[in-house]
Amino acid sequence: MRWAKTQWIYCNKKQCAFCVVSSECKSTPADLLIFAVKSTALVDAIQIARNQVGNQTIILLLLNDITSESITVEAFGLEKLLLCRAGHGCC
Protein backbone atom coordinates (compact mmCIF):
# COMPACT_ATOMS: atom_id res chain seq x y z
CA MET A 1 0.00 0.00 0.00
CA ARG A 2 1.46 3.33 -0.99
CA TRP A 3 -0.17 5.28 1.83
CA ALA A 4 -3.23 5.14 3.98
CA LYS A 5 -4.50 7.61 6.51
CA THR A 6 -7.40 7.51 8.93
CA GLN A 7 -9.60 10.59 9.12
CA TRP A 8 -11.87 10.97 12.16
CA ILE A 9 -15.39 12.16 11.48
CA TYR A 10 -18.13 12.44 14.09
CA CYS A 11 -21.71 11.39 13.40
CA ASN A 12 -24.28 11.58 16.20
CA LYS A 13 -21.41 12.18 18.64
CA LYS A 14 -19.77 8.88 17.66
CA GLN A 15 -16.31 8.78 16.17
CA CYS A 16 -16.26 7.17 12.70
CA ALA A 17 -13.04 6.26 10.90
CA PHE A 18 -12.64 6.68 7.16
CA CYS A 19 -9.56 5.27 5.51
CA VAL A 20 -8.16 7.49 2.76
CA VAL A 21 -5.84 5.81 0.25
CA SER A 22 -3.92 7.01 -2.79
CA SER A 23 -5.33 6.33 -6.24
CA GLU A 24 -2.47 3.92 -7.03
CA CYS A 25 -3.20 1.80 -3.96
CA LYS A 26 -4.70 -1.62 -4.68
CA SER A 27 -6.02 -2.47 -1.24
CA THR A 28 -9.31 -3.93 -0.06
CA PRO A 29 -12.10 -2.41 -2.21
CA ALA A 30 -14.20 0.35 -0.70
CA ASP A 31 -17.63 -0.47 0.70
CA LEU A 32 -18.95 2.94 -0.34
CA LEU A 33 -17.61 5.46 -2.85
CA ILE A 34 -19.13 8.95 -2.81
CA PHE A 35 -18.56 11.18 -5.81
CA ALA A 36 -19.15 14.83 -4.88
CA VAL A 37 -17.43 16.67 -7.73
CA LYS A 38 -18.42 19.08 -10.45
CA SER A 39 -19.67 17.25 -13.53
CA THR A 40 -16.61 18.39 -15.49
CA ALA A 41 -14.39 16.46 -13.04
CA LEU A 42 -16.41 13.23 -12.94
CA VAL A 43 -14.42 11.33 -15.58
CA ASP A 44 -11.15 12.14 -13.79
CA ALA A 45 -12.66 11.17 -10.43
CA ILE A 46 -13.78 7.82 -11.87
CA GLN A 47 -10.24 7.13 -13.11
CA ILE A 48 -8.76 8.06 -9.73
CA ALA A 49 -11.19 5.80 -7.83
CA ARG A 50 -11.10 2.83 -10.24
CA ASN A 51 -8.64 0.76 -8.12
CA GLN A 52 -10.92 1.06 -5.09
CA VAL A 53 -14.03 -0.50 -6.66
CA GLY A 54 -14.83 -4.15 -6.00
CA ASN A 55 -17.76 -6.53 -6.37
CA GLN A 56 -19.56 -5.20 -3.29
CA THR A 57 -18.76 -1.48 -3.71
CA ILE A 58 -21.75 0.88 -3.72
CA ILE A 59 -21.38 4.18 -5.57
CA LEU A 60 -23.31 7.30 -4.59
CA LEU A 61 -23.29 10.32 -6.91
CA LEU A 62 -23.88 13.75 -5.38
CA LEU A 63 -24.11 15.60 -8.68
CA ASN A 64 -27.02 17.47 -10.20
CA ASP A 65 -25.89 16.76 -13.75
CA ILE A 66 -28.16 14.86 -16.12
CA THR A 67 -25.34 12.77 -17.65
CA SER A 68 -23.46 11.75 -14.49
CA GLU A 69 -25.43 8.53 -14.00
CA SER A 70 -24.82 7.28 -17.54
CA ILE A 71 -21.09 8.08 -17.33
CA THR A 72 -20.79 6.20 -14.03
CA VAL A 73 -22.87 3.24 -15.23
CA GLU A 74 -20.65 2.97 -18.30
CA ALA A 75 -17.56 2.87 -16.08
CA PHE A 76 -18.77 0.56 -13.28
CA GLY A 77 -22.20 -0.91 -14.15
CA LEU A 78 -25.72 -0.09 -13.00
CA GLU A 79 -25.62 -2.63 -10.15
CA LYS A 80 -23.02 -0.51 -8.31
CA LEU A 81 -24.99 2.74 -8.44
CA LEU A 82 -27.22 3.89 -5.58
CA LEU A 83 -29.63 6.24 -7.31
CA CYS A 84 -30.47 9.56 -5.68
CA ARG A 85 -31.55 13.05 -6.65
CA ALA A 86 -29.49 16.13 -5.87
CA GLY A 87 -31.10 19.51 -6.35
CA HIS A 88 -31.53 23.03 -5.09
CA GLY A 89 -34.42 24.65 -3.30
CA CYS A 90 -37.58 23.22 -1.87
CA CYS A 91 -39.46 20.35 -3.49
PDB file of N, CA and C in Angstrom:
ATOM      1  N   MET A   1       0.843  -1.164   0.000  1.00  0.00           N
ATOM      2  CA  MET A   1       0.000   0.000   0.000  1.00  0.00           C
ATOM      3  C   MET A   1       0.895   1.236   0.000  1.00  0.00           C
ATOM      4  N   ARG A   2       0.622   2.143  -0.892  1.00  0.00           N
ATOM      5  CA  ARG A   2       1.461   3.331  -0.987  1.00  0.00           C
ATOM      6  C   ARG A   2       1.303   4.235   0.230  1.00  0.00           C
ATOM      7  N   TRP A   3       0.075   4.554   0.589  1.00  0.00           N
ATOM      8  CA  TRP A   3      -0.167   5.275   1.835  1.00  0.00           C
ATOM      9  C   TRP A   3      -1.626   5.128   2.214  1.00  0.00           C
ATOM     10  N   ALA A   4      -1.864   5.166   3.452  1.00  0.00           N
ATOM     11  CA  ALA A   4      -3.226   5.136   3.976  1.00  0.00           C
ATOM     12  C   ALA A   4      -3.263   6.033   5.200  1.00  0.00           C
ATOM     13  N   LYS A   5      -4.381   6.672   5.397  1.00  0.00           N
ATOM     14  CA  LYS A   5      -4.502   7.612   6.506  1.00  0.00           C
ATOM     15  C   LYS A   5      -5.928   7.518   7.047  1.00  0.00           C
ATOM     16  N   THR A   6      -6.071   7.546   8.325  1.00  0.00           N
ATOM     17  CA  THR A   6      -7.397   7.510   8.927  1.00  0.00           C
ATOM     18  C   THR A   6      -7.831   8.925   9.269  1.00  0.00           C
ATOM     19  N   GLN A   7      -9.014   9.288   8.818  1.00  0.00           N
ATOM     20  CA  GLN A   7      -9.602  10.590   9.122  1.00  0.00           C
ATOM     21  C   GLN A   7     -10.744  10.357  10.102  1.00  0.00           C
ATOM     22  N   TRP A   8     -10.796  11.124  11.183  1.00  0.00           N
ATOM     23  CA  TRP A   8     -11.869  10.966  12.155  1.00  0.00           C
ATOM     24  C   TRP A   8     -12.993  11.942  11.846  1.00  0.00           C
ATOM     25  N   ILE A   9     -14.171  11.395  11.717  1.00  0.00           N
ATOM     26  CA  ILE A   9     -15.393  12.155  11.479  1.00  0.00           C
ATOM     27  C   ILE A   9     -16.363  11.780  12.600  1.00  0.00           C
ATOM     28  N   TYR A  10     -17.157  12.728  13.047  1.00  0.00           N
ATOM     29  CA  TYR A  10     -18.129  12.441  14.091  1.00  0.00           C
ATOM     30  C   TYR A  10     -19.532  12.490  13.517  1.00  0.00           C
ATOM     31  N   CYS A  11     -20.313  11.465  13.832  1.00  0.00           N
ATOM     32  CA  CYS A  11     -21.707  11.386  13.400  1.00  0.00           C
ATOM     33  C   CYS A  11     -22.529  10.991  14.619  1.00  0.00           C
ATOM     34  N   ASN A  12     -23.480  11.820  15.001  1.00  0.00           N
ATOM     35  CA  ASN A  12     -24.283  11.580  16.201  1.00  0.00           C
ATOM     36  C   ASN A  12     -23.397  11.373  17.432  1.00  0.00           C
ATOM     37  N   LYS A  13     -22.360  12.190  17.528  1.00  0.00           N
ATOM     38  CA  LYS A  13     -21.405  12.185  18.639  1.00  0.00           C
ATOM     39  C   LYS A  13     -20.579  10.907  18.738  1.00  0.00           C
ATOM     40  N   LYS A  14     -20.587  10.090  17.698  1.00  0.00           N
ATOM     41  CA  LYS A  14     -19.765   8.880  17.657  1.00  0.00           C
ATOM     42  C   LYS A  14     -18.643   9.087  16.652  1.00  0.00           C
ATOM     43  N   GLN A  15     -17.470   8.652  17.045  1.00  0.00           N
ATOM     44  CA  GLN A  15     -16.313   8.779  16.166  1.00  0.00           C
ATOM     45  C   GLN A  15     -16.371   7.684  15.094  1.00  0.00           C
ATOM     46  N   CYS A  16     -16.253   8.097  13.835  1.00  0.00           N
ATOM     47  CA  CYS A  16     -16.259   7.168  12.704  1.00  0.00           C
ATOM     48  C   CYS A  16     -14.930   7.319  11.975  1.00  0.00           C
ATOM     49  N   ALA A  17     -14.328   6.228  11.596  1.00  0.00           N
ATOM     50  CA  ALA A  17     -13.040   6.265  10.897  1.00  0.00           C
ATOM     51  C   ALA A  17     -13.252   6.028   9.408  1.00  0.00           C
ATOM     52  N   PHE A  18     -12.645   6.866   8.595  1.00  0.00           N
ATOM     53  CA  PHE A  18     -12.640   6.684   7.157  1.00  0.00           C
ATOM     54  C   PHE A  18     -11.199   6.540   6.714  1.00  0.00           C
ATOM     55  N   CYS A  19     -10.906   5.497   6.000  1.00  0.00           N
ATOM     56  CA  CYS A  19      -9.556   5.268   5.508  1.00  0.00           C
ATOM     57  C   CYS A  19      -9.411   5.935   4.145  1.00  0.00           C
ATOM     58  N   VAL A  20      -8.428   6.788   4.009  1.00  0.00           N
ATOM     59  CA  VAL A  20      -8.161   7.493   2.763  1.00  0.00           C
ATOM     60  C   VAL A  20      -6.902   6.883   2.158  1.00  0.00           C
ATOM     61  N   VAL A  21      -6.984   6.441   0.906  1.00  0.00           N
ATOM     62  CA  VAL A  21      -5.841   5.810   0.248  1.00  0.00           C
ATOM     63  C   VAL A  21      -5.522   6.533  -1.051  1.00  0.00           C
ATOM     64  N   SER A  22      -4.304   6.376  -1.531  1.00  0.00           N
ATOM     65  CA  SER A  22      -3.920   7.009  -2.789  1.00  0.00           C
ATOM     66  C   SER A  22      -4.581   6.271  -3.951  1.00  0.00           C
ATOM     67  N   SER A  23      -4.678   6.926  -5.078  1.00  0.00           N
ATOM     68  CA  SER A  23      -5.333   6.329  -6.244  1.00  0.00           C
ATOM     69  C   SER A  23      -4.573   5.125  -6.791  1.00  0.00           C
ATOM     70  N   GLU A  24      -3.270   5.042  -6.538  1.00  0.00           N
ATOM     71  CA  GLU A  24      -2.473   3.921  -7.027  1.00  0.00           C
ATOM     72  C   GLU A  24      -2.607   2.691  -6.144  1.00  0.00           C
ATOM     73  N   CYS A  25      -3.113   2.869  -4.954  1.00  0.00           N
ATOM     74  CA  CYS A  25      -3.198   1.796  -3.965  1.00  0.00           C
ATOM     75  C   CYS A  25      -4.216   0.743  -4.402  1.00  0.00           C
ATOM     76  N   LYS A  26      -3.785  -0.521  -4.373  1.00  0.00           N
ATOM     77  CA  LYS A  26      -4.697  -1.623  -4.683  1.00  0.00           C
ATOM     78  C   LYS A  26      -4.913  -2.414  -3.402  1.00  0.00           C
ATOM     79  N   SER A  27      -5.742  -1.850  -2.525  1.00  0.00           N
ATOM     80  CA  SER A  27      -6.024  -2.469  -1.242  1.00  0.00           C
ATOM     81  C   SER A  27      -7.404  -3.112  -1.293  1.00  0.00           C
ATOM     82  N   THR A  28      -7.954  -3.397  -0.135  1.00  0.00           N
ATOM     83  CA  THR A  28      -9.310  -3.928  -0.063  1.00  0.00           C
ATOM     84  C   THR A  28     -10.265  -2.916  -0.687  1.00  0.00           C
ATOM     85  N   PRO A  29     -11.170  -3.351  -1.569  1.00  0.00           N
ATOM     86  CA  PRO A  29     -12.095  -2.411  -2.206  1.00  0.00           C
ATOM     87  C   PRO A  29     -12.958  -1.663  -1.192  1.00  0.00           C
ATOM     88  N   ALA A  30     -13.351  -0.479  -1.562  1.00  0.00           N
ATOM     89  CA  ALA A  30     -14.201   0.349  -0.704  1.00  0.00           C
ATOM     90  C   ALA A  30     -15.596  -0.243  -0.613  1.00  0.00           C
ATOM     91  N   ASP A  31     -16.231  -0.090   0.552  1.00  0.00           N
ATOM     92  CA  ASP A  31     -17.632  -0.474   0.700  1.00  0.00           C
ATOM     93  C   ASP A  31     -18.528   0.564   0.032  1.00  0.00           C
ATOM     94  N   LEU A  32     -18.152   1.828   0.185  1.00  0.00           N
ATOM     95  CA  LEU A  32     -18.946   2.935  -0.342  1.00  0.00           C
ATOM     96  C   LEU A  32     -18.016   3.971  -0.964  1.00  0.00           C
ATOM     97  N   LEU A  33     -18.339   4.382  -2.172  1.00  0.00           N
ATOM     98  CA  LEU A  33     -17.609   5.462  -2.846  1.00  0.00           C
ATOM     99  C   LEU A  33     -18.596   6.593  -3.073  1.00  0.00           C
ATOM    100  N   ILE A  34     -18.263   7.787  -2.619  1.00  0.00           N
ATOM    101  CA  ILE A  34     -19.127   8.949  -2.805  1.00  0.00           C
ATOM    102  C   ILE A  34     -18.425   9.913  -3.749  1.00  0.00           C
ATOM    103  N   PHE A  35     -19.076  10.194  -4.867  1.00  0.00           N
ATOM    104  CA  PHE A  35     -18.557  11.180  -5.811  1.00  0.00           C
ATOM    105  C   PHE A  35     -19.307  12.486  -5.577  1.00  0.00           C
ATOM    106  N   ALA A  36     -18.593  13.500  -5.120  1.00  0.00           N
ATOM    107  CA  ALA A  36     -19.154  14.826  -4.880  1.00  0.00           C
ATOM    108  C   ALA A  36     -18.249  15.836  -5.581  1.00  0.00           C
ATOM    109  N   VAL A  37     -18.287  15.811  -6.896  1.00  0.00           N
ATOM    110  CA  VAL A  37     -17.435  16.667  -7.725  1.00  0.00           C
ATOM    111  C   VAL A  37     -18.304  17.419  -8.722  1.00  0.00           C
ATOM    112  N   LYS A  38     -17.741  18.430  -9.339  1.00  0.00           N
ATOM    113  CA  LYS A  38     -18.419  19.084 -10.454  1.00  0.00           C
ATOM    114  C   LYS A  38     -18.478  18.098 -11.611  1.00  0.00           C
ATOM    115  N   SER A  39     -19.494  18.206 -12.432  1.00  0.00           N
ATOM    116  CA  SER A  39     -19.675  17.251 -13.531  1.00  0.00           C
ATOM    117  C   SER A  39     -18.478  17.230 -14.480  1.00  0.00           C
ATOM    118  N   THR A  40     -17.783  18.338 -14.598  1.00  0.00           N
ATOM    119  CA  THR A  40     -16.613  18.387 -15.486  1.00  0.00           C
ATOM    120  C   THR A  40     -15.440  17.581 -14.944  1.00  0.00           C
ATOM    121  N   ALA A  41     -15.475  17.227 -13.658  1.00  0.00           N
ATOM    122  CA  ALA A  41     -14.393  16.464 -13.042  1.00  0.00           C
ATOM    123  C   ALA A  41     -14.753  14.999 -12.824  1.00  0.00           C
ATOM    124  N   LEU A  42     -15.957  14.586 -13.224  1.00  0.00           N
ATOM    125  CA  LEU A  42     -16.408  13.227 -12.937  1.00  0.00           C
ATOM    126  C   LEU A  42     -15.557  12.164 -13.616  1.00  0.00           C
ATOM    127  N   VAL A  43     -15.221  12.334 -14.868  1.00  0.00           N
ATOM    128  CA  VAL A  43     -14.422  11.330 -15.581  1.00  0.00           C
ATOM    129  C   VAL A  43     -13.063  11.150 -14.905  1.00  0.00           C
ATOM    130  N   ASP A  44     -12.431  12.231 -14.511  1.00  0.00           N
ATOM    131  CA  ASP A  44     -11.153  12.142 -13.793  1.00  0.00           C
ATOM    132  C   ASP A  44     -11.333  11.466 -12.438  1.00  0.00           C
ATOM    133  N   ALA A  45     -12.407  11.786 -11.732  1.00  0.00           N
ATOM    134  CA  ALA A  45     -12.663  11.170 -10.432  1.00  0.00           C
ATOM    135  C   ALA A  45     -12.885   9.662 -10.566  1.00  0.00           C
ATOM    136  N   ILE A  46     -13.557   9.252 -11.611  1.00  0.00           N
ATOM    137  CA  ILE A  46     -13.776   7.822 -11.873  1.00  0.00           C
ATOM    138  C   ILE A  46     -12.437   7.126 -12.088  1.00  0.00           C
ATOM    139  N   GLN A  47     -11.557   7.729 -12.865  1.00  0.00           N
ATOM    140  CA  GLN A  47     -10.239   7.127 -13.109  1.00  0.00           C
ATOM    141  C   GLN A  47      -9.431   7.030 -11.819  1.00  0.00           C
ATOM    142  N   ILE A  48      -9.493   8.049 -11.001  1.00  0.00           N
ATOM    143  CA  ILE A  48      -8.761   8.060  -9.735  1.00  0.00           C
ATOM    144  C   ILE A  48      -9.271   6.972  -8.793  1.00  0.00           C
ATOM    145  N   ALA A  49     -10.577   6.743  -8.778  1.00  0.00           N
ATOM    146  CA  ALA A  49     -11.187   5.798  -7.834  1.00  0.00           C
ATOM    147  C   ALA A  49     -11.252   4.364  -8.359  1.00  0.00           C
ATOM    148  N   ARG A  50     -10.914   4.143  -9.611  1.00  0.00           N
ATOM    149  CA  ARG A  50     -11.101   2.832 -10.245  1.00  0.00           C
ATOM    150  C   ARG A  50     -10.489   1.676  -9.451  1.00  0.00           C
ATOM    151  N   ASN A  51      -9.293   1.836  -8.874  1.00  0.00           N
ATOM    152  CA  ASN A  51      -8.639   0.760  -8.124  1.00  0.00           C
ATOM    153  C   ASN A  51      -9.337   0.434  -6.808  1.00  0.00           C
ATOM    154  N   GLN A  52     -10.261   1.266  -6.378  1.00  0.00           N
ATOM    155  CA  GLN A  52     -10.918   1.060  -5.087  1.00  0.00           C
ATOM    156  C   GLN A  52     -12.295   0.409  -5.212  1.00  0.00           C
ATOM    157  N   VAL A  53     -12.707   0.075  -6.427  1.00  0.00           N
ATOM    158  CA  VAL A  53     -14.033  -0.502  -6.664  1.00  0.00           C
ATOM    159  C   VAL A  53     -13.931  -2.013  -6.759  1.00  0.00           C
ATOM    160  N   GLY A  54     -14.776  -2.694  -5.981  1.00  0.00           N
ATOM    161  CA  GLY A  54     -14.830  -4.148  -6.003  1.00  0.00           C
ATOM    162  C   GLY A  54     -16.247  -4.634  -6.253  1.00  0.00           C
ATOM    163  N   ASN A  55     -16.448  -5.933  -6.109  1.00  0.00           N
ATOM    164  CA  ASN A  55     -17.756  -6.534  -6.372  1.00  0.00           C
ATOM    165  C   ASN A  55     -18.855  -5.982  -5.486  1.00  0.00           C
ATOM    166  N   GLN A  56     -18.544  -5.643  -4.252  1.00  0.00           N
ATOM    167  CA  GLN A  56     -19.561  -5.198  -3.292  1.00  0.00           C
ATOM    168  C   GLN A  56     -19.604  -3.676  -3.109  1.00  0.00           C
ATOM    169  N   THR A  57     -18.806  -2.932  -3.857  1.00  0.00           N
ATOM    170  CA  THR A  57     -18.758  -1.477  -3.706  1.00  0.00           C
ATOM    171  C   THR A  57     -20.064  -0.839  -4.169  1.00  0.00           C
ATOM    172  N   ILE A  58     -20.579   0.080  -3.365  1.00  0.00           N
ATOM    173  CA  ILE A  58     -21.749   0.875  -3.718  1.00  0.00           C
ATOM    174  C   ILE A  58     -21.259   2.278  -4.047  1.00  0.00           C
ATOM    175  N   ILE A  59     -21.792   2.842  -5.132  1.00  0.00           N
ATOM    176  CA  ILE A  59     -21.380   4.176  -5.571  1.00  0.00           C
ATOM    177  C   ILE A  59     -22.555   5.135  -5.450  1.00  0.00           C
ATOM    178  N   LEU A  60     -22.309   6.258  -4.768  1.00  0.00           N
ATOM    179  CA  LEU A  60     -23.309   7.303  -4.591  1.00  0.00           C
ATOM    180  C   LEU A  60     -22.807   8.558  -5.300  1.00  0.00           C
ATOM    181  N   LEU A  61     -23.624   9.093  -6.182  1.00  0.00           N
ATOM    182  CA  LEU A  61     -23.289  10.319  -6.910  1.00  0.00           C
ATOM    183  C   LEU A  61     -24.018  11.498  -6.289  1.00  0.00           C
ATOM    184  N   LEU A  62     -23.281  12.525  -5.909  1.00  0.00           N
ATOM    185  CA  LEU A  62     -23.877  13.746  -5.383  1.00  0.00           C
ATOM    186  C   LEU A  62     -23.689  14.862  -6.404  1.00  0.00           C
ATOM    187  N   LEU A  63     -24.222  14.634  -7.590  1.00  0.00           N
ATOM    188  CA  LEU A  63     -24.114  15.595  -8.681  1.00  0.00           C
ATOM    189  C   LEU A  63     -25.512  15.913  -9.188  1.00  0.00           C
ATOM    190  N   ASN A  64     -25.732  17.119  -9.627  1.00  0.00           N
ATOM    191  CA  ASN A  64     -27.024  17.469 -10.204  1.00  0.00           C
ATOM    192  C   ASN A  64     -26.913  17.612 -11.722  1.00  0.00           C
ATOM    193  N   ASP A  65     -26.118  16.754 -12.302  1.00  0.00           N
ATOM    194  CA  ASP A  65     -25.890  16.756 -13.749  1.00  0.00           C
ATOM    195  C   ASP A  65     -26.676  15.611 -14.367  1.00  0.00           C
ATOM    196  N   ILE A  66     -27.293  15.855 -15.490  1.00  0.00           N
ATOM    197  CA  ILE A  66     -28.161  14.861 -16.115  1.00  0.00           C
ATOM    198  C   ILE A  66     -27.394  13.680 -16.726  1.00  0.00           C
ATOM    199  N   THR A  67     -26.112  13.844 -17.011  1.00  0.00           N
ATOM    200  CA  THR A  67     -25.340  12.773 -17.649  1.00  0.00           C
ATOM    201  C   THR A  67     -24.462  11.976 -16.685  1.00  0.00           C
ATOM    202  N   SER A  68     -24.387  12.392 -15.422  1.00  0.00           N
ATOM    203  CA  SER A  68     -23.464  11.748 -14.485  1.00  0.00           C
ATOM    204  C   SER A  68     -23.785  10.274 -14.259  1.00  0.00           C
ATOM    205  N   GLU A  69     -25.060   9.929 -14.216  1.00  0.00           N
ATOM    206  CA  GLU A  69     -25.429   8.528 -14.005  1.00  0.00           C
ATOM    207  C   GLU A  69     -24.973   7.655 -15.166  1.00  0.00           C
ATOM    208  N   SER A  70     -25.206   8.099 -16.383  1.00  0.00           N
ATOM    209  CA  SER A  70     -24.824   7.276 -17.543  1.00  0.00           C
ATOM    210  C   SER A  70     -23.306   7.126 -17.647  1.00  0.00           C
ATOM    211  N   ILE A  71     -22.555   8.159 -17.307  1.00  0.00           N
ATOM    212  CA  ILE A  71     -21.091   8.080 -17.328  1.00  0.00           C
ATOM    213  C   ILE A  71     -20.604   7.068 -16.288  1.00  0.00           C
ATOM    214  N   THR A  72     -21.197   7.110 -15.104  1.00  0.00           N
ATOM    215  CA  THR A  72     -20.792   6.200 -14.033  1.00  0.00           C
ATOM    216  C   THR A  72     -21.222   4.766 -14.321  1.00  0.00           C
ATOM    217  N   VAL A  73     -22.404   4.579 -14.855  1.00  0.00           N
ATOM    218  CA  VAL A  73     -22.873   3.241 -15.228  1.00  0.00           C
ATOM    219  C   VAL A  73     -21.965   2.645 -16.298  1.00  0.00           C
ATOM    220  N   GLU A  74     -21.559   3.446 -17.259  1.00  0.00           N
ATOM    221  CA  GLU A  74     -20.649   2.968 -18.300  1.00  0.00           C
ATOM    222  C   GLU A  74     -19.313   2.510 -17.705  1.00  0.00           C
ATOM    223  N   ALA A  75     -18.847   3.201 -16.688  1.00  0.00           N
ATOM    224  CA  ALA A  75     -17.563   2.868 -16.079  1.00  0.00           C
ATOM    225  C   ALA A  75     -17.643   1.667 -15.141  1.00  0.00           C
ATOM    226  N   PHE A  76     -18.721   1.559 -14.353  1.00  0.00           N
ATOM    227  CA  PHE A  76     -18.769   0.558 -13.284  1.00  0.00           C
ATOM    228  C   PHE A  76     -19.955  -0.404 -13.345  1.00  0.00           C
ATOM    229  N   GLY A  77     -21.000  -0.072 -14.085  1.00  0.00           N
ATOM    230  CA  GLY A  77     -22.196  -0.912 -14.148  1.00  0.00           C
ATOM    231  C   GLY A  77     -23.311  -0.381 -13.268  1.00  0.00           C
ATOM    232  N   LEU A  78     -24.539  -0.598 -13.703  1.00  0.00           N
ATOM    233  CA  LEU A  78     -25.718  -0.092 -12.995  1.00  0.00           C
ATOM    234  C   LEU A  78     -25.872  -0.700 -11.606  1.00  0.00           C
ATOM    235  N   GLU A  79     -25.445  -1.945 -11.441  1.00  0.00           N
ATOM    236  CA  GLU A  79     -25.617  -2.632 -10.151  1.00  0.00           C
ATOM    237  C   GLU A  79     -24.827  -1.987  -9.021  1.00  0.00           C
ATOM    238  N   LYS A  80     -23.846  -1.179  -9.336  1.00  0.00           N
ATOM    239  CA  LYS A  80     -23.023  -0.508  -8.315  1.00  0.00           C
ATOM    240  C   LYS A  80     -23.628   0.816  -7.861  1.00  0.00           C
ATOM    241  N   LEU A  81     -24.515   1.377  -8.661  1.00  0.00           N
ATOM    242  CA  LEU A  81     -24.994   2.737  -8.438  1.00  0.00           C
ATOM    243  C   LEU A  81     -26.200   2.785  -7.510  1.00  0.00           C
ATOM    244  N   LEU A  82     -26.099   3.599  -6.466  1.00  0.00           N
ATOM    245  CA  LEU A  82     -27.224   3.891  -5.585  1.00  0.00           C
ATOM    246  C   LEU A  82     -27.839   5.187  -6.101  1.00  0.00           C
ATOM    247  N   LEU A  83     -29.016   5.090  -6.672  1.00  0.00           N
ATOM    248  CA  LEU A  83     -29.631   6.242  -7.313  1.00  0.00           C
ATOM    249  C   LEU A  83     -30.171   7.227  -6.276  1.00  0.00           C
ATOM    250  N   CYS A  84     -29.949   8.509  -6.536  1.00  0.00           N
ATOM    251  CA  CYS A  84     -30.473   9.561  -5.677  1.00  0.00           C
ATOM    252  C   CYS A  84     -30.691  10.801  -6.529  1.00  0.00           C
ATOM    253  N   ARG A  85     -31.292  11.793  -5.944  1.00  0.00           N
ATOM    254  CA  ARG A  85     -31.547  13.047  -6.650  1.00  0.00           C
ATOM    255  C   ARG A  85     -30.934  14.183  -5.853  1.00  0.00           C
ATOM    256  N   ALA A  86     -30.080  14.946  -6.496  1.00  0.00           N
ATOM    257  CA  ALA A  86     -29.491  16.134  -5.873  1.00  0.00           C
ATOM    258  C   ALA A  86     -30.095  17.354  -6.540  1.00  0.00           C
ATOM    259  N   GLY A  87     -30.490  18.318  -5.759  1.00  0.00           N
ATOM    260  CA  GLY A  87     -31.097  19.509  -6.348  1.00  0.00           C
ATOM    261  C   GLY A  87     -31.014  20.681  -5.411  1.00  0.00           C
ATOM    262  N   HIS A  88     -31.552  21.796  -5.860  1.00  0.00           N
ATOM    263  CA  HIS A  88     -31.529  23.030  -5.094  1.00  0.00           C
ATOM    264  C   HIS A  88     -32.955  23.426  -4.763  1.00  0.00           C
ATOM    265  N   GLY A  89     -33.114  24.098  -3.658  1.00  0.00           N
ATOM    266  CA  GLY A  89     -34.417  24.652  -3.296  1.00  0.00           C
ATOM    267  C   GLY A  89     -35.346  23.631  -2.679  1.00  0.00           C
ATOM    268  N   CYS A  90     -36.555  24.046  -2.502  1.00  0.00           N
ATOM    269  CA  CYS A  90     -37.577  23.220  -1.874  1.00  0.00           C
ATOM    270  C   CYS A  90     -38.352  22.435  -2.909  1.00  0.00           C
ATOM    271  N   CYS A  91     -38.685  21.217  -2.578  1.00  0.00           N
ATOM    272  CA  CYS A  91     -39.457  20.351  -3.494  1.00  0.00           C
ATOM    273  C   CYS A  91     -40.935  20.461  -3.245  1.00  0.00           C
TER     274      CYS A  91
END
